């Protein structure tokens, strides 16, 4: 059994597994982990004081561009989970996160992923520069930004 570390900034989103998250055997369906991770990234941004509605008003949206995911062990109906979101890098139009899903009771690692999120113009879907507030946030949280696009 692998005990998973907390994200360095300590951010964890608690999630409970409901029947709607599981297959007929009570095991979390693989795509539900993507939902949990999306919520954790959104809540991490919100916890840092960045309003997502303001971004929408400014024609800004964020889309997952790339994800590498590893399923380690199953989560089951009624499990309490903790989902982390740790920024690991950023460029002019993207940001990267390391995410983990662990069972709260024993800190067992269930799933982990590296996720790259692109900033796009909401109306066209074309890449656009990360807003200044997001760049400032990432500068404070990521030790060495990657300037490669």
C-alpha atoms as a PDB file:
ATOM      1  CA  UNK A   1       0.000   0.000   0.000  1.00  0.00           C
ATOM      2  CA  UNK A   2       1.333   3.421  -0.984  1.00  0.00           C
ATOM      3  CA  UNK A   3       0.644   6.399   1.237  1.00  0.00           C
ATOM      4  CA  UNK A   4       0.311   9.480  -0.928  1.00  0.00           C
ATOM      5  CA  UNK A   5       1.752  12.828   0.092  1.00  0.00           C
ATOM      6  CA  UNK A   6      -0.341  15.931   0.298  1.00  0.00           C
ATOM      7  CA  UNK A   7       0.260  18.605  -2.328  1.00  0.00           C
ATOM      8  CA  UNK A   8       3.096  20.917  -1.154  1.00  0.00           C
ATOM      9  CA  UNK A   9       0.700  23.824  -0.634  1.00  0.00           C
ATOM     10  CA  UNK A  10      -1.588  21.508   1.341  1.00  0.00           C
ATOM     11  CA  UNK A  11      -4.570  21.851  -0.998  1.00  0.00           C
ATOM     12  CA  UNK A  12      -6.963  18.902  -0.832  1.00  0.00           C
ATOM     13  CA  UNK A  13     -10.579  18.707  -1.932  1.00  0.00           C
ATOM     14  CA  UNK A  14     -12.700  16.189   0.010  1.00  0.00           C
ATOM     15  CA  UNK A  15     -15.016  14.091  -2.175  1.00  0.00           C
ATOM     16  CA  UNK A  16     -17.427  11.311  -1.252  1.00  0.00           C
ATOM     17  CA  UNK A  17     -18.133   8.483  -3.694  1.00  0.00           C
ATOM     18  CA  UNK A  18     -21.849   8.240  -4.514  1.00  0.00           C
ATOM     19  CA  UNK A  19     -23.748   5.482  -6.313  1.00  0.00           C
ATOM     20  CA  UNK A  20     -23.827   7.646  -9.462  1.00  0.00           C
ATOM     21  CA  UNK A  21     -19.998   7.482  -9.533  1.00  0.00           C
ATOM     22  CA  UNK A  22     -19.800   3.698  -9.590  1.00  0.00           C
ATOM     23  CA  UNK A  23     -20.346   0.747 -11.861  1.00  0.00           C
ATOM     24  CA  UNK A  24     -22.644  -2.176 -10.965  1.00  0.00           C
ATOM     25  CA  UNK A  25     -19.957  -3.585  -8.650  1.00  0.00           C
ATOM     26  CA  UNK A  26     -19.681  -0.421  -6.552  1.00  0.00           C
ATOM     27  CA  UNK A  27     -16.283   0.552  -8.018  1.00  0.00           C
ATOM     28  CA  UNK A  28     -15.717   4.117  -9.217  1.00  0.00           C
ATOM     29  CA  UNK A  29     -15.999   4.342 -13.007  1.00  0.00           C
ATOM     30  CA  UNK A  30     -12.663   5.456 -14.473  1.00  0.00           C
ATOM     31  CA  UNK A  31     -13.992   8.662 -16.063  1.00  0.00           C
ATOM     32  CA  UNK A  32     -15.317   9.929 -12.712  1.00  0.00           C
ATOM     33  CA  UNK A  33     -11.729  10.540 -11.588  1.00  0.00           C
ATOM     34  CA  UNK A  34     -11.554  13.181 -14.326  1.00  0.00           C
ATOM     35  CA  UNK A  35     -14.562  14.915 -12.738  1.00  0.00           C
ATOM     36  CA  UNK A  36     -12.923  14.828  -9.309  1.00  0.00           C
ATOM     37  CA  UNK A  37      -9.704  16.287 -10.699  1.00  0.00           C
ATOM     38  CA  UNK A  38     -11.540  19.017 -12.609  1.00  0.00           C
ATOM     39  CA  UNK A  39     -13.322  20.046  -9.409  1.00  0.00           C
ATOM     40  CA  UNK A  40     -10.049  20.079  -7.471  1.00  0.00           C
ATOM     41  CA  UNK A  41      -8.317  22.312 -10.043  1.00  0.00           C
ATOM     42  CA  UNK A  42     -11.311  24.655 -10.060  1.00  0.00           C
ATOM     43  CA  UNK A  43     -11.432  24.809  -6.256  1.00  0.00           C
ATOM     44  CA  UNK A  44      -7.667  25.339  -6.065  1.00  0.00           C
ATOM     45  CA  UNK A  45      -7.987  28.370  -8.373  1.00  0.00           C
ATOM     46  CA  UNK A  46     -10.957  29.652  -6.354  1.00  0.00           C
ATOM     47  CA  UNK A  47      -9.061  29.153  -3.062  1.00  0.00           C
ATOM     48  CA  UNK A  48      -6.286  31.366  -4.461  1.00  0.00           C
ATOM     49  CA  UNK A  49      -8.741  34.220  -5.026  1.00  0.00           C
ATOM     50  CA  UNK A  50      -9.179  33.941  -8.795  1.00  0.00           C
ATOM     51  CA  UNK A  51     -12.797  34.242  -9.890  1.00  0.00           C
ATOM     52  CA  UNK A  52     -13.763  32.032 -12.803  1.00  0.00           C
ATOM     53  CA  UNK A  53     -16.870  34.040 -13.704  1.00  0.00           C
ATOM     54  CA  UNK A  54     -14.683  37.093 -14.223  1.00  0.00           C
ATOM     55  CA  UNK A  55     -12.638  35.074 -16.710  1.00  0.00           C
ATOM     56  CA  UNK A  56     -15.765  34.110 -18.625  1.00  0.00           C
ATOM     57  CA  UNK A  57     -16.740  37.769 -18.797  1.00  0.00           C
ATOM     58  CA  UNK A  58     -13.284  38.474 -20.274  1.00  0.00           C
ATOM     59  CA  UNK A  59     -13.675  35.751 -22.959  1.00  0.00           C
ATOM     60  CA  UNK A  60     -11.316  33.349 -21.122  1.00  0.00           C
ATOM     61  CA  UNK A  61     -11.778  29.619 -20.807  1.00  0.00           C
ATOM     62  CA  UNK A  62      -9.534  26.736 -19.808  1.00  0.00           C
ATOM     63  CA  UNK A  63      -9.487  23.345 -21.504  1.00  0.00           C
ATOM     64  CA  UNK A  64      -7.597  20.159 -20.760  1.00  0.00           C
ATOM     65  CA  UNK A  65      -5.044  19.786 -23.515  1.00  0.00           C
ATOM     66  CA  UNK A  66      -3.199  16.706 -22.331  1.00  0.00           C
ATOM     67  CA  UNK A  67      -3.464  14.179 -19.509  1.00  0.00           C
ATOM     68  CA  UNK A  68      -1.367  11.225 -18.414  1.00  0.00           C
ATOM     69  CA  UNK A  69      -3.256   9.188 -15.823  1.00  0.00           C
ATOM     70  CA  UNK A  70      -2.372   6.132 -13.768  1.00  0.00           C
ATOM     71  CA  UNK A  71      -5.052   4.149 -11.956  1.00  0.00           C
ATOM     72  CA  UNK A  72      -3.442   2.459  -8.956  1.00  0.00           C
ATOM     73  CA  UNK A  73      -6.300   1.014  -6.887  1.00  0.00           C
ATOM     74  CA  UNK A  74     -10.101   1.292  -6.988  1.00  0.00           C
ATOM     75  CA  UNK A  75     -12.232   3.691  -5.004  1.00  0.00           C
ATOM     76  CA  UNK A  76     -15.559   2.246  -3.870  1.00  0.00           C
ATOM     77  CA  UNK A  77     -19.048   3.357  -2.984  1.00  0.00           C
ATOM     78  CA  UNK A  78     -19.123   5.577   0.158  1.00  0.00           C
ATOM     79  CA  UNK A  79     -15.335   6.076   0.254  1.00  0.00           C
ATOM     80  CA  UNK A  80     -14.188   9.489   1.396  1.00  0.00           C
ATOM     81  CA  UNK A  81     -11.500  10.727  -0.987  1.00  0.00           C
ATOM     82  CA  UNK A  82      -9.037  13.599  -1.016  1.00  0.00           C
ATOM     83  CA  UNK A  83      -8.139  15.096  -4.378  1.00  0.00           C
ATOM     84  CA  UNK A  84      -5.055  17.300  -4.740  1.00  0.00           C
ATOM     85  CA  UNK A  85      -4.168  19.893  -7.360  1.00  0.00           C
ATOM     86  CA  UNK A  86      -0.550  21.015  -7.421  1.00  0.00           C
ATOM     87  CA  UNK A  87       0.674  23.398 -10.135  1.00  0.00           C
ATOM     88  CA  UNK A  88       3.954  22.152 -11.563  1.00  0.00           C
ATOM     89  CA  UNK A  89       4.689  24.455 -14.497  1.00  0.00           C
ATOM     90  CA  UNK A  90       3.331  26.983 -16.931  1.00  0.00           C
ATOM     91  CA  UNK A  91       4.021  28.671 -20.219  1.00  0.00           C
ATOM     92  CA  UNK A  92       2.532  31.618 -22.042  1.00  0.00           C
ATOM     93  CA  UNK A  93      -0.791  29.874 -22.781  1.00  0.00           C
ATOM     94  CA  UNK A  94      -0.843  26.796 -20.528  1.00  0.00           C
ATOM     95  CA  UNK A  95      -0.416  25.521 -16.985  1.00  0.00           C
ATOM     96  CA  UNK A  96       0.429  22.052 -15.706  1.00  0.00           C
ATOM     97  CA  UNK A  97      -0.798  20.234 -12.608  1.00  0.00           C
ATOM     98  CA  UNK A  98       0.118  17.088 -10.720  1.00  0.00           C
ATOM     99  CA  UNK A  99      -3.023  15.575  -9.237  1.00  0.00           C
ATOM    100  CA  UNK A 100      -3.642  12.698  -6.853  1.00  0.00           C
ATOM    101  CA  UNK A 101      -6.736  10.959  -5.539  1.00  0.00           C
ATOM    102  CA  UNK A 102      -6.256   9.203  -2.192  1.00  0.00           C
ATOM    103  CA  UNK A 103      -8.613   7.406   0.172  1.00  0.00           C
ATOM    104  CA  UNK A 104      -8.960   9.674   3.200  1.00  0.00           C
ATOM    105  CA  UNK A 105      -9.046   6.891   5.803  1.00  0.00           C
ATOM    106  CA  UNK A 106      -5.647   5.376   5.002  1.00  0.00           C
ATOM    107  CA  UNK A 107      -4.082   7.883   2.541  1.00  0.00           C
ATOM    108  CA  UNK A 108      -3.812   5.100  -0.041  1.00  0.00           C
ATOM    109  CA  UNK A 109      -3.003   6.390  -3.501  1.00  0.00           C
ATOM    110  CA  UNK A 110      -5.824   5.455  -5.884  1.00  0.00           C
ATOM    111  CA  UNK A 111      -5.107   7.541  -8.957  1.00  0.00           C
ATOM    112  CA  UNK A 112      -2.579  10.125 -10.106  1.00  0.00           C
ATOM    113  CA  UNK A 113      -2.294  12.292 -13.195  1.00  0.00           C
ATOM    114  CA  UNK A 114      -0.241  14.953 -14.889  1.00  0.00           C
ATOM    115  CA  UNK A 115      -2.611  17.435 -16.517  1.00  0.00           C
ATOM    116  CA  UNK A 116      -1.890  20.266 -18.933  1.00  0.00           C
ATOM    117  CA  UNK A 117      -4.576  22.947 -19.218  1.00  0.00           C
ATOM    118  CA  UNK A 118      -4.604  25.475 -22.063  1.00  0.00           C
ATOM    119  CA  UNK A 119      -6.021  28.966 -21.901  1.00  0.00           C
ATOM    120  CA  UNK A 120      -8.304  29.700 -24.860  1.00  0.00           C
ATOM    121  CA  UNK A 121     -10.562  32.448 -26.107  1.00  0.00           C
ATOM    122  CA  UNK A 122     -14.091  31.387 -25.211  1.00  0.00           C
ATOM    123  CA  UNK A 123     -15.604  32.625 -28.472  1.00  0.00           C
ATOM    124  CA  UNK A 124     -13.076  31.058 -30.877  1.00  0.00           C
ATOM    125  CA  UNK A 125     -11.410  28.255 -28.916  1.00  0.00           C
ATOM    126  CA  UNK A 126      -8.017  29.569 -30.038  1.00  0.00           C
ATOM    127  CA  UNK A 127      -5.066  29.737 -27.613  1.00  0.00           C
ATOM    128  CA  UNK A 128      -4.629  32.973 -25.718  1.00  0.00           C
ATOM    129  CA  UNK A 129      -2.179  34.275 -23.161  1.00  0.00           C
ATOM    130  CA  UNK A 130      -2.818  33.374 -19.529  1.00  0.00           C
ATOM    131  CA  UNK A 131      -4.307  36.384 -17.741  1.00  0.00           C
ATOM    132  CA  UNK A 132      -1.956  38.408 -15.553  1.00  0.00           C
ATOM    133  CA  UNK A 133      -3.619  37.293 -12.302  1.00  0.00           C
ATOM    134  CA  UNK A 134      -3.159  33.618 -13.235  1.00  0.00           C
ATOM    135  CA  UNK A 135       0.467  34.168 -14.241  1.00  0.00           C
ATOM    136  CA  UNK A 136       1.135  35.951 -10.947  1.00  0.00           C
ATOM    137  CA  UNK A 137      -0.485  33.106  -9.023  1.00  0.00           C
ATOM    138  CA  UNK A 138       1.558  30.473 -10.872  1.00  0.00           C
ATOM    139  CA  UNK A 139       4.766  32.493 -10.433  1.00  0.00           C
ATOM    140  CA  UNK A 140       4.250  32.353  -6.653  1.00  0.00           C
ATOM    141  CA  UNK A 141       3.399  28.622  -6.668  1.00  0.00           C
ATOM    142  CA  UNK A 142       5.779  27.121  -9.249  1.00  0.00           C
ATOM    143  CA  UNK A 143       9.505  27.293  -8.562  1.00  0.00           C
ATOM    144  CA  UNK A 144      10.729  27.144 -12.170  1.00  0.00           C
ATOM    145  CA  UNK A 145       8.290  28.072 -14.915  1.00  0.00           C
ATOM    146  CA  UNK A 146       8.731  26.433 -18.282  1.00  0.00           C
ATOM    147  CA  UNK A 147       8.849  29.058 -20.973  1.00  0.00           C
ATOM    148  CA  UNK A 148       8.505  26.551 -23.817  1.00  0.00           C
ATOM    149  CA  UNK A 149       5.121  26.558 -25.511  1.00  0.00           C
END
